[in-house]
Amino acid sequence: FTNPGNVPHPCCVVQVLCLARRMLSE
């Protein structure tokens, strides 16, 4: 969801953070 040299979309960043939290919590 990210392009080289472009800033990632906020929604995508949130999804990644949420997914990371799930993986870390489990």
C-alpha atoms as a PDB file:
ATOM      1  CA  PHE A   1       0.000   0.000   0.000  1.00  0.00           C
ATOM      2  CA  THR A   2       3.089   2.223  -0.130  1.00  0.00           C
ATOM      3  CA  ASN A   3       4.926   3.590  -3.127  1.00  0.00           C
ATOM      4  CA  PRO A   4       8.675   4.354  -3.183  1.00  0.00           C
ATOM      5  CA  GLY A   5       9.277   7.996  -2.254  1.00  0.00           C
ATOM      6  CA  ASN A   6       5.655   8.510  -1.180  1.00  0.00           C
ATOM      7  CA  VAL A   7       4.194   8.812   2.289  1.00  0.00           C
ATOM      8  CA  PRO A   8       2.102   5.765   3.294  1.00  0.00           C
ATOM      9  CA  HIS A   9      -1.617   6.328   3.691  1.00  0.00           C
ATOM     10  CA  PRO A  10      -2.696   6.952   7.329  1.00  0.00           C
ATOM     11  CA  CYS A  11      -5.357   4.226   7.108  1.00  0.00           C
ATOM     12  CA  CYS A  12      -2.763   1.687   5.971  1.00  0.00           C
ATOM     13  CA  VAL A  13      -0.416   2.738   8.763  1.00  0.00           C
ATOM     14  CA  VAL A  14      -3.182   2.237  11.322  1.00  0.00           C
ATOM     15  CA  GLN A  15      -3.932  -1.231   9.955  1.00  0.00           C
ATOM     16  CA  VAL A  16      -0.280  -2.208  10.223  1.00  0.00           C
ATOM     17  CA  LEU A  17      -0.048  -0.878  13.771  1.00  0.00           C
ATOM     18  CA  CYS A  18      -3.195  -2.754  14.792  1.00  0.00           C
ATOM     19  CA  LEU A  19      -1.884  -5.942  13.213  1.00  0.00           C
ATOM     20  CA  ALA A  20       1.443  -5.525  15.001  1.00  0.00           C
ATOM     21  CA  ARG A  21      -0.359  -5.074  18.320  1.00  0.00           C
ATOM     22  CA  ARG A  22      -2.280  -8.300  17.757  1.00  0.00           C
ATOM     23  CA  MET A  23       0.890 -10.230  16.945  1.00  0.00           C
ATOM     24  CA  LEU A  24       2.705  -8.780  19.951  1.00  0.00           C
ATOM     25  CA  SER A  25      -0.213  -9.374  22.327  1.00  0.00           C
ATOM     26  CA  GLU A  26      -0.496 -13.012  21.238  1.00  0.00           C
END
